[in-house]
Structure formats: structure tokens, C-alpha cells
C-alpha atoms as a PDB file:
ATOM      1  CA  MET A   1      15.956  -9.756  30.694  1.00  0.00           C
ATOM      2  CA  ALA A   2      12.860 -10.768  28.738  1.00  0.00           C
ATOM      3  CA  ILE A   3      11.830  -8.783  25.676  1.00  0.00           C
ATOM      4  CA  GLN A   4       8.312  -7.436  26.021  1.00  0.00           C
ATOM      5  CA  ARG A   5       6.101  -7.451  22.979  1.00  0.00           C
ATOM      6  CA  TYR A   6       3.704  -4.579  22.424  1.00  0.00           C
ATOM      7  CA  GLU A   7       0.167  -5.927  22.484  1.00  0.00           C
ATOM      8  CA  GLY A   8      -1.833  -2.736  22.031  1.00  0.00           C
ATOM      9  CA  ASP A   9      -3.324  -1.180  18.904  1.00  0.00           C
ATOM     10  CA  GLU A  10      -1.155  -0.887  15.798  1.00  0.00           C
ATOM     11  CA  ARG A  11       0.507   2.534  15.993  1.00  0.00           C
ATOM     12  CA  ARG A  12       2.439   2.514  12.722  1.00  0.00           C
ATOM     13  CA  THR A  13       0.721   4.554  10.051  1.00  0.00           C
ATOM     14  CA  HIS A  14       3.027   3.882   7.071  1.00  0.00           C
ATOM     15  CA  LYS A  15       3.048   0.713   4.975  1.00  0.00           C
ATOM     16  CA  VAL A  16       4.384  -0.120   1.539  1.00  0.00           C
ATOM     17  CA  PHE A  17       2.410  -2.550  -0.604  1.00  0.00           C
ATOM     18  CA  ILE A  18       4.804  -3.954  -3.182  1.00  0.00           C
ATOM     19  CA  THR A  19       3.566  -5.401  -6.468  1.00  0.00           C
ATOM     20  CA  LYS A  20       5.597  -6.794  -9.356  1.00  0.00           C
ATOM     21  CA  ASN A  21       6.504  -3.354 -10.784  1.00  0.00           C
ATOM     22  CA  THR A  22       5.266  -0.761  -8.295  1.00  0.00           C
ATOM     23  CA  GLU A  23       5.473   0.293  -4.651  1.00  0.00           C
ATOM     24  CA  TYR A  24       2.332   1.877  -3.158  1.00  0.00           C
ATOM     25  CA  HIS A  25       3.296   3.935  -0.093  1.00  0.00           C
ATOM     26  CA  VAL A  26       0.335   4.267   2.232  1.00  0.00           C
ATOM     27  CA  ARG A  27      -0.250   6.467   5.290  1.00  0.00           C
ATOM     28  CA  ALA A  28      -3.271   5.646   7.431  1.00  0.00           C
ATOM     29  CA  GLY A  29      -4.927   3.789   4.552  1.00  0.00           C
ATOM     30  CA  GLU A  30      -4.344   6.450   1.854  1.00  0.00           C
ATOM     31  CA  VAL A  31      -1.815   6.247  -0.982  1.00  0.00           C
ATOM     32  CA  VAL A  32       0.624   9.134  -0.443  1.00  0.00           C
ATOM     33  CA  ALA A  33       3.382   8.121  -2.869  1.00  0.00           C
ATOM     34  CA  VAL A  34       3.948   5.679  -5.735  1.00  0.00           C
ATOM     35  CA  ARG A  35       7.358   4.482  -6.877  1.00  0.00           C
ATOM     36  CA  SER A  36       8.641   2.304  -9.691  1.00  0.00           C
ATOM     37  CA  ARG A  37      10.418  -0.782  -8.355  1.00  0.00           C
ATOM     38  CA  GLY A  38      12.804  -0.828 -11.305  1.00  0.00           C
ATOM     39  CA  SER A  39      14.032   2.762 -11.367  1.00  0.00           C
ATOM     40  CA  LYS A  40      13.115   3.691  -7.765  1.00  0.00           C
ATOM     41  CA  ASP A  41      11.773   6.975  -9.202  1.00  0.00           C
ATOM     42  CA  TRP A  42       8.704   8.530  -7.606  1.00  0.00           C
ATOM     43  CA  ILE A  43       5.730   8.702  -9.947  1.00  0.00           C
ATOM     44  CA  ASP A  44       4.306  12.207  -9.485  1.00  0.00           C
ATOM     45  CA  VAL A  45       1.188  11.617 -11.570  1.00  0.00           C
ATOM     46  CA  HIS A  46      -0.405   8.258 -10.800  1.00  0.00           C
ATOM     47  CA  GLN A  47      -4.084   7.448 -10.672  1.00  0.00           C
ATOM     48  CA  ALA A  48      -3.704   5.754  -7.254  1.00  0.00           C
ATOM     49  CA  LEU A  49      -2.387   8.866  -5.477  1.00  0.00           C
ATOM     50  CA  THR A  50      -4.762  10.070  -2.733  1.00  0.00           C
ATOM     51  CA  MET A  51      -6.924   6.948  -3.085  1.00  0.00           C
ATOM     52  CA  LYS A  52      -7.929   4.948  -0.022  1.00  0.00           C
ATOM     53  CA  ILE A  53      -7.404   1.223   0.323  1.00  0.00           C
ATOM     54  CA  GLU A  54     -10.977  -0.007   0.301  1.00  0.00           C
ATOM     55  CA  GLY A  55     -10.155  -3.704   0.317  1.00  0.00           C
ATOM     56  CA  PHE A  56      -8.662  -6.436  -1.803  1.00  0.00           C
ATOM     57  CA  ILE A  57      -9.471  -8.842  -4.586  1.00  0.00           C
ATOM     58  CA  ALA A  58      -8.517 -12.419  -3.793  1.00  0.00           C
ATOM     59  CA  SER A  59      -6.842 -14.681  -6.314  1.00  0.00           C
ATOM     60  CA  GLY A  60      -9.426 -15.991  -8.777  1.00  0.00           C
ATOM     61  CA  ALA A  61     -12.103 -13.538  -7.595  1.00  0.00           C
ATOM     62  CA  HIS A  62     -13.565 -10.603  -9.490  1.00  0.00           C
ATOM     63  CA  LEU A  63     -15.243  -8.574  -6.757  1.00  0.00           C
ATOM     64  CA  PRO A  64     -13.508  -6.623  -3.997  1.00  0.00           C
ATOM     65  CA  GLN A  65     -13.789  -7.667  -0.372  1.00  0.00           C
ATOM     66  CA  LEU A  66     -13.389  -5.477   2.703  1.00  0.00           C
ATOM     67  CA  GLY A  67     -10.212  -5.845   4.702  1.00  0.00           C
ATOM     68  CA  THR A  68      -6.487  -5.327   4.531  1.00  0.00           C
ATOM     69  CA  PRO A  69      -4.810  -6.925   1.506  1.00  0.00           C
ATOM     70  CA  ARG A  70      -2.230  -9.663   2.045  1.00  0.00           C
ATOM     71  CA  PRO A  71       0.448 -10.994  -0.289  1.00  0.00           C
ATOM     72  CA  GLY A  72      -1.127 -12.753  -3.268  1.00  0.00           C
ATOM     73  CA  GLN A  73      -4.167 -10.453  -3.247  1.00  0.00           C
ATOM     74  CA  ARG A  74      -4.673  -7.343  -5.383  1.00  0.00           C
ATOM     75  CA  LEU A  75      -5.171  -3.929  -3.807  1.00  0.00           C
ATOM     76  CA  TYR A  76      -8.548  -2.357  -4.404  1.00  0.00           C
ATOM     77  CA  LEU A  77      -8.176   1.445  -4.227  1.00  0.00           C
ATOM     78  CA  ALA A  78     -11.027   3.899  -4.693  1.00  0.00           C
ATOM     79  CA  ARG A  79     -12.354   7.430  -4.449  1.00  0.00           C
ATOM     80  CA  ALA A  80     -15.564   8.961  -5.783  1.00  0.00           C
ATOM     81  CA  ASN A  81     -16.239   7.705  -9.338  1.00  0.00           C
ATOM     82  CA  ASP A  82     -12.775   6.150  -9.710  1.00  0.00           C
ATOM     83  CA  ASP A  83     -11.019   2.955  -8.703  1.00  0.00           C
ATOM     84  CA  VAL A  84      -7.756   1.077  -9.241  1.00  0.00           C
ATOM     85  CA  VAL A  85      -6.983  -2.613  -8.992  1.00  0.00           C
ATOM     86  CA  THR A  86      -3.285  -3.478  -8.783  1.00  0.00           C
ATOM     87  CA  SER A  87      -1.428  -6.604  -9.740  1.00  0.00           C
ATOM     88  CA  PRO A  88      -0.997  -9.049  -6.829  1.00  0.00           C
ATOM     89  CA  VAL A  89       0.866  -7.815  -3.769  1.00  0.00           C
ATOM     90  CA  VAL A  90       4.199  -9.623  -3.349  1.00  0.00           C
ATOM     91  CA  ALA A  91       5.154  -8.055   0.010  1.00  0.00           C
ATOM     92  CA  ILE A  92       4.031  -5.568   2.636  1.00  0.00           C
ATOM     93  CA  VAL A  93       6.791  -3.720   4.483  1.00  0.00           C
ATOM     94  CA  ARG A  94       7.306  -0.770   6.773  1.00  0.00           C
ATOM     95  CA  PRO A  95       9.262   1.981   5.005  1.00  0.00           C
ATOM     96  CA  PRO A  96      12.441   3.323   6.589  1.00  0.00           C
ATOM     97  CA  LYS A  97      12.173   6.879   7.961  1.00  0.00           C
ATOM     98  CA  ALA A  98      14.597   8.085   5.285  1.00  0.00           C
ATOM     99  CA  VAL A  99      12.204   6.917   2.540  1.00  0.00           C
ATOM    100  CA  VAL A 100       9.188   8.501   4.244  1.00  0.00           C
ATOM    101  CA  SER A 101      11.031  11.827   4.330  1.00  0.00           C
ATOM    102  CA  GLU A 102      11.547  11.567   0.531  1.00  0.00           C
ATOM    103  CA  TYR A 103       7.840  11.345  -0.294  1.00  0.00           C
ATOM    104  CA  PRO A 104       6.877  13.897  -2.949  1.00  0.00           C
ATOM    105  CA  SER A 105       4.575  16.660  -1.712  1.00  0.00           C
END
């Protein structure tokens, strides 16, 4: 029996962008939770919470570009009159359901 690969639109809404010290948990392009990689504690007050991923900053560049960040690029997050640039992304993963259910409200 051959395994069929899904070739439609991406249906997963959760992603985790992992940087050197921080995990940015994203639902449909918006940061919904932030966690320290070292302690695994949720950070309840973080500037990036509720910000949208607006693009990325490539290695050696200074201006953001539109698109989904990849490993080696920095996340560019923004909302009205505020923005955040992270350290380079080291990995992008899909969070387990158990972690998603732990997201702070």
C-alpha cells in the first residue's frame, strides 16, 4: 500500500520558531505564547505576545523582507507603533498537542 502525501493547502495553524534562548509559539501568524528554552517556563509578559510575523531579516541584512522566516533568519514581528527582531531562528517545529494545551491564556 502506497502512502499518499497531502498536496493541498497547509492546514496546520501552529508553529514554533526556536531561537538560541526563546521559543515563539505562533498560531496563524500571531505569537500566542513565548517560552524560555532553558527553563521551559512560559513568559507571561513579553513584548512579542500578540504580534504578527510580518517577515524576516536575512543574515547580513538590516531591513525586513516579506515572507516566512527560515532557519538562519531573524523573525520580524510587528503591531502598530511597535516591532521586535529576534535572534536567528535555529529551528521551526510543529508543537505537540500537549504543549498547545498548556499555552497561557
